[in-house]
Amino acid sequence: MMITTRFVRLLAGLVLVAAVPVRAGDPLKLHLRDRPAAHPNEPQVREATWDATQTAIVVCDMWNQHWCQGATARVAEMAPRMNEVLKAARAQGVLIIHCPSGTLDFYRDTPQRRLAQSASKVEPKVPLQGWCSLDRDHEGNLPIDDSDGGCDDWPQCRQGSPWSRQIATLEIAEGDAITDSAEAYYLMRQRGIRNVIVMGVHLNMCVLGRPFAIRQLVAQDLNVVLMRDMTDTMYNSRMAPYVSHFVGTDLMIRHVEEHWCPTTTSVDFLGGEPFRFRADRRKTVAFLIGENEYHTWETLPAFAESELAWRGYRVEMITSSTDPGDFTWQNWEALKAADLMVVSARRRATPKPMMALIRAKLAEGVGLVGIRTACHAFAVRGGARQKLEADAGLTEWADFDPEVLGGNYTGHHSNGLETTLSVAPGAAGNPMLTGVDPAGFPGHGSLYRVSPLKADTTALISGAIEGEPAEPVAWTRLYGPKQARVFYTSLGHPDDFKEAGFRRLLLNGVLWAMHERVPPVKGVAEN
C-alpha cells in the first residue's frame, strides 16, 4: 500500500509539471501583477523572463504546527501544491531557501543548513533586521486588523510556539538551503541572485517582516515577487474590515501589490488553475434590473462595485432594457448560482424558466432584497398585458409583493415631496440599523403607500410627509418553509444612493439576507 500511495503521488506531481515542461537552464516565464500608483483599482499583468540561475525561492515559516489550528490546517492543505512548485523550480535551476523560523536545531547537521551557514557575510544596502515592522510612511496601515493575533477559529486558540520543523510535505533536496536569518541574503549575494519569489505564511506578518522576506529584500534592490496563491494570512474575520478570512488575504495581497512588489501564481510553474483553499467559497449576488424610472441600471452596479466587490462577493447582472414593454432578460441563467437575489424591476414579465428559477431559489431558502419598484416587479398591467397574454413563453408573479415581500403596495403619494424618515416603532437597536440614522437623511422619491404590512414582517424605518399618515419604508421578513430572508425598502431613488445612510442600509440588508455578519459602525469604510 505504501508503494502504491507513493506512486500515485509521484504520478500526480508529474502530471502537474507536465502542463509546463521545464529543463535545467530554461528561463522562467512569469506573469507579474502590479497595481500602478495612479490606478490602484486597475491591476496590470506583464510578462517577465528571468534567468533561473539568478533566481531564488524563499519558503517562509511553513511550520509543521502553528498555535492556531486553522492556520495549521491551511498550511497542510497548501503544502502539496507548493511542493510541486518547488520541484519544478528546482528542475530549472532555481535556488530553494527553506526558512522555518525558530526550528534550525532540527536541521543543524544537515548539508542544507551548512550551505546557508557557509555564505560569507556581506554588507547589505540597508541594514538587515531580525524583524522589519510596518512602515507607515511607505505603506500606511494594513487593510486588516490582526491585533488579536489573527486566529479565525472559535473559540480562538491559545497562542504559543508549538512548531519544531518545516512541514514534512515540503521536500528538502540536495542543493537547497535552510536558514531563518540574514544568511539568506548573504547566500543570494554569493550566488549572484537578483530575483526572489517569496511564498509561505503569514503574509501580514512573517512574509513581510522577516529578514529573508519582502520588506527587507525589496530594500536591497532585489527583484521581489510574491506567489499570491501560495500564501495565507493570520486574520480573524470577526475583526475589521469584517470580511471572510480569505478576502482578508486578498486585501493583503492587494496591499503588497500597491506598496511593495508584484505577485504571480503557481500556474507559471505548474499550469492549470491557481490554488484555492477548499473553504474559500465566494457567494454570488444576482441583481435583477428591469425598470425605466430610477436608473438602477447605473446605481446598483456602482453600489456593487463600491460595497460588495472588495468584500469578495461575485456579482451577476441580470438585465432587461429600459423599455417597459421589453420582457427579454439577459443572463438570467446566472440565477442558478445565486446566493442572493436583489430585485429592482417594474411591472416586467419574465421567461417562464427564469421565474421558475426565482421561485425555486426562494423555496431553497436563498434570500432576496427588493428596492423601490420591486413591490410591483412582476405584476404586468396596461397594454403590456396583451404582449404577456400573447406569448406562452412569458409569465408574471402578480402577488409577489404580498406573498414574498409582505407588503401591500397601492400606489404612491405626490412626487416632489421629501420624505422624513425615522426609526420604526420597536426597531431601535435592531442590527439592521447598524450605522444607519434615518433622521440623518431624507427619502428623495415619492412615499409609497404600503400599509398594512403582513403580521410577520419587522418594520425598520418609517416615512412621513406632511398631512399624511406614516408608512413603512424598510422591513424584513422570512419567506417559505426554508425561511428565506427577505429585506425590502421603498427607497431607491438616484438621490437616495448619494446618501451614506441609505447605502449602509442596503449593505446591511444584503449581508443579513445572505446570513452574513452585519459589521459594526467602524467597519463600514469603503476599501
Protein backbone atom coordinates (compact mmCIF):
# COMPACT_ATOMS: atom_id res chain seq x y z
CA MET A 1 0.00 0.00 0.00
CA MET A 2 2.85 2.38 0.82
CA ILE A 3 4.43 1.85 -2.61
CA THR A 4 1.11 2.41 -4.38
CA THR A 5 0.44 5.63 -2.48
CA ARG A 6 3.89 6.97 -3.23
CA PHE A 7 3.48 6.08 -6.91
CA VAL A 8 0.14 7.88 -7.13
CA ARG A 9 1.61 10.98 -5.51
CA LEU A 10 4.57 10.91 -7.89
CA LEU A 11 2.30 10.46 -10.89
CA ALA A 12 0.09 13.38 -9.77
CA GLY A 13 3.16 15.57 -9.49
CA LEU A 14 4.40 14.57 -12.92
CA VAL A 15 1.02 15.36 -14.46
CA LEU A 16 1.05 18.83 -12.94
CA VAL A 17 4.57 19.58 -14.05
CA ALA A 18 3.89 18.15 -17.49
CA ALA A 19 1.49 21.05 -18.09
CA VAL A 20 4.56 23.32 -18.29
CA PRO A 21 7.58 21.16 -19.36
CA VAL A 22 10.83 22.53 -17.95
CA ARG A 23 14.53 21.73 -18.13
CA ALA A 24 17.58 22.93 -16.27
CA GLY A 25 18.62 26.28 -17.66
CA ASP A 26 15.22 27.14 -19.10
CA PRO A 27 14.30 30.75 -18.35
CA LEU A 28 11.39 31.46 -16.05
CA LYS A 29 8.33 32.88 -17.79
CA LEU A 30 6.33 34.82 -15.22
CA HIS A 31 3.12 36.83 -15.35
CA LEU A 32 3.54 39.61 -12.82
CA ARG A 33 0.56 41.56 -11.50
CA ASP A 34 1.14 45.18 -10.45
CA ARG A 35 -1.10 47.97 -9.21
CA PRO A 36 0.14 51.29 -10.60
CA ALA A 37 0.05 54.06 -8.01
CA ALA A 38 -2.06 56.24 -10.29
CA HIS A 39 -4.66 53.48 -10.86
CA PRO A 40 -4.57 51.00 -7.95
CA ASN A 41 -8.02 49.65 -8.82
CA GLU A 42 -6.81 48.59 -12.25
CA PRO A 43 -4.25 45.79 -11.80
CA GLN A 44 -1.97 45.21 -14.75
CA VAL A 45 -0.30 41.95 -15.72
CA ARG A 46 3.02 41.99 -17.53
CA GLU A 47 5.22 39.17 -18.74
CA ALA A 48 8.73 38.82 -17.36
CA THR A 49 11.58 36.48 -18.26
CA TRP A 50 14.04 35.64 -15.50
CA ASP A 51 17.28 33.68 -15.57
CA ALA A 52 16.50 30.70 -13.35
CA THR A 53 20.11 30.51 -12.12
CA GLN A 54 19.82 34.07 -10.84
CA THR A 55 16.55 33.34 -9.02
CA ALA A 56 15.75 32.06 -5.53
CA ILE A 57 12.52 30.93 -3.93
CA VAL A 58 12.14 31.73 -0.23
CA VAL A 59 9.76 29.46 1.69
CA CYS A 60 8.64 31.39 4.77
CA ASP A 61 7.59 29.68 8.02
CA MET A 62 5.72 26.70 6.61
CA TRP A 63 5.83 25.05 10.03
CA ASN A 64 4.65 21.58 10.94
CA GLN A 65 2.32 23.06 13.54
CA HIS A 66 1.02 26.53 14.35
CA TRP A 67 -0.57 27.68 17.60
CA CYS A 68 -3.72 28.36 15.56
CA GLN A 69 -5.39 25.12 14.43
CA GLY A 70 -6.93 26.79 11.40
CA ALA A 71 -3.55 28.10 10.29
CA THR A 72 -2.04 24.63 10.72
CA ALA A 73 -4.79 23.10 8.57
CA ARG A 74 -4.38 25.68 5.80
CA VAL A 75 -0.60 25.16 5.69
CA ALA A 76 -1.17 21.41 5.35
CA GLU A 77 -3.71 21.96 2.57
CA MET A 78 -1.43 24.31 0.62
CA ALA A 79 1.82 22.36 1.08
CA PRO A 80 1.33 19.65 -1.63
CA ARG A 81 0.86 22.24 -4.37
CA MET A 82 3.78 24.25 -3.00
CA ASN A 83 6.00 21.18 -3.07
CA GLU A 84 5.23 20.69 -6.75
CA VAL A 85 6.18 24.31 -7.41
CA LEU A 86 9.49 23.80 -5.62
CA LYS A 87 10.24 20.65 -7.61
CA ALA A 88 9.50 22.41 -10.91
CA ALA A 89 11.57 25.45 -9.96
CA ARG A 90 14.44 23.30 -8.70
CA ALA A 91 14.49 21.44 -12.02
CA GLN A 92 15.09 24.74 -13.81
CA GLY A 93 17.98 25.68 -11.57
CA VAL A 94 16.23 27.94 -9.05
CA LEU A 95 17.81 28.05 -5.58
CA ILE A 96 15.32 26.95 -2.90
CA ILE A 97 15.82 28.52 0.53
CA HIS A 98 13.69 27.00 3.29
CA CYS A 99 13.14 29.44 6.16
CA PRO A 100 11.22 27.76 9.03
CA SER A 101 12.00 30.35 11.72
CA GLY A 102 12.95 29.14 15.16
CA THR A 103 13.42 25.47 14.18
CA LEU A 104 17.04 25.37 13.00
CA ASP A 105 18.16 22.98 15.74
CA PHE A 106 16.16 20.30 13.91
CA TYR A 107 18.37 20.83 10.84
CA ARG A 108 21.72 21.59 12.49
CA ASP A 109 23.62 18.64 11.00
CA THR A 110 22.15 18.74 7.50
CA PRO A 111 24.10 19.80 4.39
CA GLN A 112 21.31 22.27 3.56
CA ARG A 113 21.84 24.03 6.89
CA ARG A 114 25.61 24.05 6.43
CA LEU A 115 25.17 25.51 2.94
CA ALA A 116 23.41 28.57 4.36
CA GLN A 117 26.00 28.92 7.12
CA SER A 118 28.84 28.82 4.61
CA ALA A 119 27.80 32.06 2.92
CA SER A 120 30.18 34.87 3.79
CA LYS A 121 28.66 37.91 5.46
CA VAL A 122 28.29 40.86 3.10
CA GLU A 123 27.31 44.46 3.66
CA PRO A 124 23.66 44.96 2.71
CA LYS A 125 22.44 48.15 1.09
CA VAL A 126 20.10 48.65 4.05
CA PRO A 127 20.90 47.05 7.43
CA LEU A 128 19.04 43.77 7.87
CA GLN A 129 16.92 43.46 10.99
CA GLY A 130 15.60 40.43 12.80
CA TRP A 131 12.15 41.90 12.22
CA CYS A 132 11.02 44.76 10.00
CA SER A 133 7.81 46.29 11.33
CA LEU A 134 5.06 48.09 9.47
CA ASP A 135 6.45 51.10 7.60
CA ARG A 136 3.54 53.52 7.88
CA ASP A 137 5.37 56.24 5.96
CA HIS A 138 5.67 53.92 2.99
CA GLU A 139 2.61 51.67 3.18
CA GLY A 140 0.16 53.24 5.62
CA ASN A 141 -1.84 50.82 7.77
CA LEU A 142 -2.54 47.22 6.90
CA PRO A 143 -6.02 46.66 5.42
CA ILE A 144 -6.85 44.06 8.10
CA ASP A 145 -6.83 44.27 11.89
CA ASP A 146 -4.59 41.47 13.19
CA SER A 147 -4.16 42.94 16.68
CA ASP A 148 -5.79 39.89 18.29
CA GLY A 149 -3.26 37.53 16.71
CA GLY A 150 -5.44 36.71 13.72
CA CYS A 151 -6.82 33.29 14.69
CA ASP A 152 -10.12 32.77 12.82
CA ASP A 153 -11.13 29.76 14.91
CA TRP A 154 -13.85 29.94 17.54
CA PRO A 155 -13.05 29.78 20.33
CA GLN A 156 -9.68 31.23 19.45
CA CYS A 157 -6.66 29.03 20.04
CA ARG A 158 -4.16 29.67 22.82
CA GLN A 159 -1.03 31.37 21.49
CA GLY A 160 2.38 29.78 21.81
CA SER A 161 5.27 28.35 19.76
CA PRO A 162 4.50 24.67 19.08
CA TRP A 163 6.45 24.41 15.81
CA SER A 164 9.55 22.21 15.69
CA ARG A 165 10.37 21.94 11.98
CA GLN A 166 9.10 22.73 8.50
CA ILE A 167 6.07 20.70 7.42
CA ALA A 168 7.34 17.36 6.12
CA THR A 169 5.27 17.64 2.92
CA LEU A 170 7.86 20.08 1.56
CA GLU A 171 10.84 18.09 0.35
CA ILE A 172 14.27 19.49 1.22
CA ALA A 173 16.54 18.39 -1.61
CA GLU A 174 20.24 18.37 -2.27
CA GLY A 175 21.36 21.89 -3.14
CA ASP A 176 18.61 23.60 -1.11
CA ALA A 177 19.47 25.83 1.84
CA ILE A 178 17.95 26.18 5.31
CA THR A 179 18.11 29.35 7.40
CA ASP A 180 15.95 31.84 9.27
CA SER A 181 18.19 34.89 9.24
CA ALA A 182 20.23 37.30 7.12
CA GLU A 183 22.16 34.26 5.91
CA ALA A 184 19.53 34.01 3.17
CA TYR A 185 20.62 37.36 1.77
CA TYR A 186 24.32 36.51 2.11
CA LEU A 187 23.76 33.31 0.15
CA MET A 188 21.87 35.20 -2.55
CA ARG A 189 24.72 37.64 -2.95
CA GLN A 190 27.25 34.80 -3.07
CA ARG A 191 25.24 33.06 -5.83
CA GLY A 192 24.56 36.22 -7.85
CA ILE A 193 20.82 36.04 -7.16
CA ARG A 194 18.91 39.07 -8.42
CA ASN A 195 15.35 37.69 -8.42
CA VAL A 196 13.39 36.33 -5.46
CA ILE A 197 9.97 34.68 -5.27
CA VAL A 198 8.55 34.65 -1.74
CA MET A 199 5.89 32.15 -0.65
CA GLY A 200 4.62 30.81 2.65
CA VAL A 201 2.94 32.25 5.72
CA HIS A 202 1.76 34.57 7.05
CA LEU A 203 1.52 37.47 4.64
CA ASN A 204 0.58 40.20 7.11
CA MET A 205 3.35 39.12 9.49
CA CYS A 206 6.40 36.98 8.65
CA VAL A 207 6.16 37.14 4.84
CA LEU A 208 6.54 40.90 5.10
CA GLY A 209 8.68 41.27 8.22
CA ARG A 210 11.37 38.57 8.38
CA PRO A 211 14.99 39.34 7.34
CA PHE A 212 14.56 37.00 4.34
CA ALA A 213 11.15 38.36 3.36
CA ILE A 214 9.52 41.07 1.29
CA ARG A 215 10.18 44.39 3.03
CA GLN A 216 13.86 43.78 3.64
CA LEU A 217 14.61 42.14 0.30
CA VAL A 218 12.90 44.97 -1.57
CA ALA A 219 15.13 47.36 0.39
CA GLN A 220 18.18 45.54 -1.06
CA ASP A 221 17.00 46.36 -4.61
CA LEU A 222 16.28 42.74 -5.46
CA ASN A 223 13.50 41.89 -7.89
CA VAL A 224 10.97 40.52 -5.41
CA VAL A 225 7.71 38.78 -6.28
CA LEU A 226 5.05 37.26 -4.02
CA MET A 227 3.42 33.99 -5.12
CA ARG A 228 -0.09 35.04 -4.17
CA ASP A 229 -1.79 31.64 -4.28
CA MET A 230 0.92 30.12 -2.07
CA THR A 231 0.33 32.30 0.98
CA ASP A 232 -2.15 32.86 3.79
CA THR A 233 -2.82 35.45 6.50
CA MET A 234 -3.37 35.50 10.21
CA TYR A 235 -6.71 37.27 10.10
CA ASN A 236 -9.82 36.84 12.22
CA SER A 237 -12.96 37.61 10.22
CA ARG A 238 -14.57 38.99 13.38
CA MET A 239 -12.15 41.93 13.20
CA ALA A 240 -12.11 44.91 10.81
CA PRO A 241 -12.84 45.06 7.94
CA TYR A 242 -15.23 42.20 8.80
CA VAL A 243 -14.77 40.11 5.69
CA SER A 244 -14.07 36.39 5.30
CA HIS A 245 -10.62 35.09 6.18
CA PHE A 246 -9.86 34.54 2.50
CA VAL A 247 -10.98 38.02 1.47
CA GLY A 248 -8.67 39.31 4.22
CA THR A 249 -5.84 37.54 2.41
CA ASP A 250 -6.95 39.13 -0.87
CA LEU A 251 -6.79 42.56 0.74
CA MET A 252 -3.27 41.85 1.99
CA ILE A 253 -2.20 40.70 -1.48
CA ARG A 254 -3.54 43.96 -2.88
CA HIS A 255 -1.62 45.84 -0.18
CA VAL A 256 1.61 44.14 -1.25
CA GLU A 257 0.94 44.86 -4.93
CA GLU A 258 0.28 48.52 -4.20
CA HIS A 259 3.19 49.16 -1.85
CA TRP A 260 5.90 46.52 -2.18
CA CYS A 261 6.14 44.20 -5.16
CA PRO A 262 4.28 42.38 -7.93
CA THR A 263 2.67 38.98 -7.50
CA THR A 264 2.41 35.82 -9.55
CA THR A 265 0.81 32.38 -9.10
CA SER A 266 1.86 28.75 -9.14
CA VAL A 267 0.36 28.48 -12.62
CA ASP A 268 3.59 29.91 -14.05
CA PHE A 269 5.36 26.75 -12.87
CA LEU A 270 2.66 24.09 -12.99
CA GLY A 271 -0.05 25.23 -15.39
CA GLY A 272 -3.68 24.56 -14.54
CA GLU A 273 -5.53 26.85 -12.14
CA PRO A 274 -4.25 28.84 -9.15
CA PHE A 275 -4.51 27.10 -5.80
CA ARG A 276 -7.59 27.88 -3.75
CA PHE A 277 -8.44 26.67 -0.25
CA ARG A 278 -11.41 24.30 -0.16
CA ALA A 279 -13.26 26.52 2.31
CA ASP A 280 -12.83 29.58 0.11
CA ARG A 281 -16.28 29.73 -1.45
CA ARG A 282 -17.27 33.19 -2.63
CA LYS A 283 -21.00 33.94 -2.59
CA THR A 284 -22.77 35.25 -5.68
CA VAL A 285 -25.20 38.17 -5.63
CA ALA A 286 -27.52 38.30 -8.64
CA PHE A 287 -29.02 41.72 -9.46
CA LEU A 288 -32.28 41.62 -11.46
CA ILE A 289 -32.67 45.07 -13.03
CA GLY A 290 -35.56 45.92 -15.32
CA GLU A 291 -37.10 49.35 -14.77
CA ASN A 292 -37.25 52.66 -16.61
CA GLU A 293 -37.59 55.29 -13.88
CA TYR A 294 -34.90 55.20 -11.21
CA HIS A 295 -31.66 54.48 -13.10
CA THR A 296 -30.83 51.45 -11.00
CA TRP A 297 -29.06 50.10 -14.09
CA GLU A 298 -26.45 52.70 -13.09
CA THR A 299 -26.75 52.98 -9.30
CA LEU A 300 -26.81 49.27 -8.46
CA PRO A 301 -23.68 48.31 -10.44
CA ALA A 302 -21.89 51.23 -8.78
CA PHE A 303 -23.11 50.03 -5.38
CA ALA A 304 -21.94 46.50 -6.12
CA GLU A 305 -18.51 47.76 -7.09
CA SER A 306 -18.01 50.02 -4.09
CA GLU A 307 -19.64 47.89 -1.39
CA LEU A 308 -19.57 44.25 -2.45
CA ALA A 309 -16.71 43.54 -4.87
CA TRP A 310 -13.88 44.30 -2.44
CA ARG A 311 -15.64 42.18 0.18
CA GLY A 312 -15.16 39.19 -2.09
CA TYR A 313 -18.70 38.73 -3.43
CA ARG A 314 -19.21 37.70 -7.01
CA VAL A 315 -21.74 39.85 -8.83
CA GLU A 316 -24.02 38.86 -11.72
CA MET A 317 -26.15 41.42 -13.55
CA ILE A 318 -29.42 40.10 -14.97
CA THR A 319 -30.90 42.92 -17.00
CA SER A 320 -33.75 43.99 -19.20
CA SER A 321 -33.87 47.20 -21.21
CA THR A 322 -35.47 50.45 -20.06
CA ASP A 323 -38.37 49.81 -22.46
CA PRO A 324 -41.28 48.90 -20.13
CA GLY A 325 -42.71 46.63 -22.82
CA ASP A 326 -39.48 44.66 -23.24
CA PHE A 327 -39.74 41.32 -21.46
CA THR A 328 -36.41 39.94 -22.61
CA TRP A 329 -33.80 39.37 -19.90
CA GLN A 330 -30.07 39.00 -20.37
CA ASN A 331 -28.01 36.49 -18.35
CA TRP A 332 -30.94 35.13 -16.31
CA GLU A 333 -29.34 31.66 -16.24
CA ALA A 334 -26.90 33.17 -13.70
CA LEU A 335 -29.69 32.77 -11.13
CA LYS A 336 -28.65 29.12 -10.83
CA ALA A 337 -25.53 30.12 -8.87
CA ALA A 338 -27.11 32.93 -6.86
CA ASP A 339 -26.74 33.05 -3.09
CA LEU A 340 -28.86 36.22 -3.03
CA MET A 341 -31.27 37.93 -5.43
CA VAL A 342 -31.52 41.73 -5.49
CA VAL A 343 -34.62 42.86 -7.38
CA SER A 344 -35.14 46.26 -8.97
CA ALA A 345 -37.80 45.69 -11.61
CA ARG A 346 -41.06 47.39 -12.52
CA ARG A 347 -44.03 45.53 -13.99
CA ARG A 348 -41.99 43.09 -16.05
CA ALA A 349 -42.92 39.64 -17.20
CA THR A 350 -40.15 37.08 -17.45
CA PRO A 351 -39.49 33.91 -19.42
CA LYS A 352 -41.15 31.04 -17.59
CA PRO A 353 -37.84 29.25 -16.85
CA MET A 354 -36.48 32.46 -15.28
CA MET A 355 -39.49 32.83 -12.99
CA ALA A 356 -39.25 29.15 -12.11
CA LEU A 357 -35.65 29.76 -11.01
CA ILE A 358 -36.67 32.73 -8.86
CA ARG A 359 -39.34 30.64 -7.16
CA ALA A 360 -37.00 27.67 -6.77
CA LYS A 361 -34.29 29.80 -5.20
CA LEU A 362 -36.71 31.22 -2.65
CA ALA A 363 -38.00 27.73 -1.93
CA GLU A 364 -34.40 26.64 -1.27
CA GLY A 365 -34.04 29.42 1.29
CA VAL A 366 -31.98 31.79 -0.86
CA GLY A 367 -32.50 35.36 0.34
CA LEU A 368 -33.97 38.28 -1.56
CA VAL A 369 -33.53 42.06 -1.37
CA GLY A 370 -36.03 44.34 -3.08
CA ILE A 371 -35.76 48.07 -3.62
CA ARG A 372 -38.27 50.66 -4.75
CA THR A 373 -40.37 49.22 -7.60
CA ALA A 374 -39.69 45.63 -6.56
CA CYS A 375 -43.07 45.73 -4.81
CA HIS A 376 -44.63 45.63 -8.27
CA ALA A 377 -41.70 43.98 -10.03
CA PHE A 378 -43.58 41.20 -11.82
CA ALA A 379 -47.16 42.49 -11.91
CA VAL A 380 -47.88 43.43 -15.52
CA ARG A 381 -50.67 45.85 -16.40
CA GLY A 382 -51.88 48.14 -19.16
CA GLY A 383 -51.09 47.49 -22.79
CA ALA A 384 -48.20 45.24 -21.84
CA ARG A 385 -50.66 42.60 -20.70
CA GLN A 386 -51.58 41.93 -24.31
CA LYS A 387 -47.96 41.04 -25.04
CA LEU A 388 -47.83 38.81 -21.98
CA GLU A 389 -51.05 37.02 -22.86
CA ALA A 390 -49.98 36.58 -26.47
CA ASP A 391 -46.67 34.91 -25.59
CA ALA A 392 -46.99 31.47 -23.96
CA GLY A 393 -43.31 31.58 -23.00
CA LEU A 394 -43.79 34.51 -20.60
CA THR A 395 -45.22 34.69 -17.11
CA GLU A 396 -45.73 37.11 -14.21
CA TRP A 397 -45.93 36.93 -10.40
CA ALA A 398 -48.72 39.37 -9.66
CA ASP A 399 -48.78 38.62 -5.91
CA PHE A 400 -45.02 38.85 -5.43
CA ASP A 401 -45.41 41.86 -3.09
CA PRO A 402 -47.82 40.41 -0.51
CA GLU A 403 -46.62 36.84 -0.95
CA VAL A 404 -42.85 37.37 -0.73
CA LEU A 405 -42.12 40.92 0.46
CA GLY A 406 -45.04 41.06 2.89
CA GLY A 407 -46.17 44.47 1.64
CA ASN A 408 -49.38 45.96 0.32
CA TYR A 409 -48.45 48.42 -2.43
CA THR A 410 -51.40 50.53 -3.59
CA GLY A 411 -49.61 53.46 -5.22
CA HIS A 412 -47.64 56.45 -4.01
CA HIS A 413 -48.08 59.98 -2.74
CA SER A 414 -47.33 63.00 -4.92
CA ASN A 415 -43.91 63.37 -6.43
CA GLY A 416 -41.58 66.13 -5.30
CA LEU A 417 -42.36 65.82 -1.60
CA GLU A 418 -39.34 64.94 0.52
CA THR A 419 -40.00 62.10 2.94
CA THR A 420 -38.97 62.45 6.58
CA LEU A 421 -37.52 59.18 7.85
CA SER A 422 -37.46 57.81 11.39
CA VAL A 423 -36.82 54.55 13.21
CA ALA A 424 -39.96 52.43 13.14
CA PRO A 425 -41.65 51.77 16.50
CA GLY A 426 -39.84 48.95 18.28
CA ALA A 427 -36.92 48.86 15.83
CA ALA A 428 -34.37 50.79 17.91
CA GLY A 429 -31.31 48.61 18.40
CA ASN A 430 -32.13 46.29 15.51
CA PRO A 431 -28.81 45.12 13.96
CA MET A 432 -30.19 46.02 10.54
CA LEU A 433 -29.94 49.69 11.53
CA THR A 434 -26.27 49.45 12.49
CA GLY A 435 -24.62 52.58 11.14
CA VAL A 436 -27.97 53.93 9.91
CA ASP A 437 -29.55 57.09 11.34
CA PRO A 438 -32.84 57.50 9.43
CA ALA A 439 -33.24 61.02 10.79
CA GLY A 440 -29.93 61.94 9.16
CA PHE A 441 -31.12 61.69 5.57
CA PRO A 442 -34.43 62.13 3.73
CA GLY A 443 -36.25 59.88 1.33
CA HIS A 444 -35.91 61.51 -2.07
CA GLY A 445 -38.58 59.67 -4.03
CA SER A 446 -42.32 59.75 -3.54
CA LEU A 447 -43.57 57.95 -0.46
CA TYR A 448 -45.15 54.58 -1.27
CA ARG A 449 -48.46 53.50 0.22
CA VAL A 450 -47.73 50.00 1.51
CA SER A 451 -49.79 49.66 4.71
CA PRO A 452 -50.78 47.37 6.22
CA LEU A 453 -47.80 45.01 6.18
CA LYS A 454 -48.13 41.31 6.82
CA ALA A 455 -48.16 40.47 10.51
CA ASP A 456 -44.89 38.53 10.24
CA THR A 457 -42.84 41.49 8.98
CA THR A 458 -40.43 43.51 11.11
CA ALA A 459 -40.63 47.23 10.28
CA LEU A 460 -37.30 49.07 10.47
CA ILE A 461 -37.87 52.58 9.11
CA SER A 462 -40.99 54.72 8.76
CA GLY A 463 -41.51 57.61 6.37
CA ALA A 464 -43.89 60.55 6.54
CA ILE A 465 -44.93 63.57 4.52
CA GLU A 466 -46.94 66.48 5.85
CA GLY A 467 -50.61 65.77 6.37
CA GLU A 468 -50.43 62.04 5.68
CA PRO A 469 -50.08 59.01 7.95
CA ALA A 470 -46.65 57.41 8.21
CA GLU A 471 -45.81 54.45 6.00
CA PRO A 472 -43.25 51.66 6.46
CA VAL A 473 -40.20 52.37 4.30
CA ALA A 474 -37.98 49.38 5.15
CA TRP A 475 -38.70 45.99 6.69
CA THR A 476 -37.66 42.35 6.89
CA ARG A 477 -39.47 39.03 6.95
CA LEU A 478 -38.88 35.32 6.49
CA TYR A 479 -40.42 33.57 3.50
CA GLY A 480 -41.42 29.97 2.95
CA PRO A 481 -40.64 26.69 4.70
CA LYS A 482 -36.88 27.28 4.39
CA GLN A 483 -37.24 30.74 5.94
CA ALA A 484 -35.57 32.69 3.15
CA ARG A 485 -34.52 36.08 4.45
CA VAL A 486 -36.26 38.97 2.70
CA PHE A 487 -35.41 42.66 3.03
CA TYR A 488 -37.33 45.40 1.24
CA THR A 489 -37.08 49.17 1.11
CA SER A 490 -39.18 51.57 -0.92
CA LEU A 491 -36.13 53.85 -1.10
CA GLY A 492 -34.02 53.62 -4.23
CA HIS A 493 -34.30 56.99 -5.98
CA PRO A 494 -30.96 58.00 -7.59
CA ASP A 495 -30.51 60.68 -4.92
CA ASP A 496 -31.00 58.05 -2.21
CA PHE A 497 -27.83 56.37 -3.41
CA LYS A 498 -25.95 59.60 -2.70
CA GLU A 499 -26.81 59.23 0.98
CA ALA A 500 -24.30 57.25 3.04
CA GLY A 501 -27.11 56.19 5.38
CA PHE A 502 -29.08 54.59 2.55
CA ARG A 503 -26.04 52.81 1.13
CA ARG A 504 -25.30 51.40 4.58
CA LEU A 505 -28.93 50.30 4.97
CA LEU A 506 -28.78 48.49 1.64
CA LEU A 507 -25.46 46.89 2.54
CA ASN A 508 -26.90 45.69 5.84
CA GLY A 509 -29.88 44.22 4.00
CA VAL A 510 -27.68 42.40 1.50
CA LEU A 511 -25.44 40.94 4.20
CA TRP A 512 -28.30 39.99 6.50
CA ALA A 513 -30.24 38.28 3.70
CA MET A 514 -27.15 36.13 2.94
CA HIS A 515 -26.70 35.21 6.61
CA GLU A 516 -23.50 37.25 6.69
CA ARG A 517 -22.32 39.31 9.63
CA VAL A 518 -23.50 42.93 9.65
CA PRO A 519 -20.32 44.84 10.54
CA PRO A 520 -20.21 47.38 13.34
CA VAL A 521 -20.12 51.07 12.57
CA LYS A 522 -16.31 51.20 12.47
CA GLY A 523 -16.30 48.52 9.79
CA VAL A 524 -18.15 50.39 7.06
CA ALA A 525 -15.38 52.41 5.45
CA GLU A 526 -15.03 51.68 1.76
CA ASN A 527 -11.87 49.97 0.65
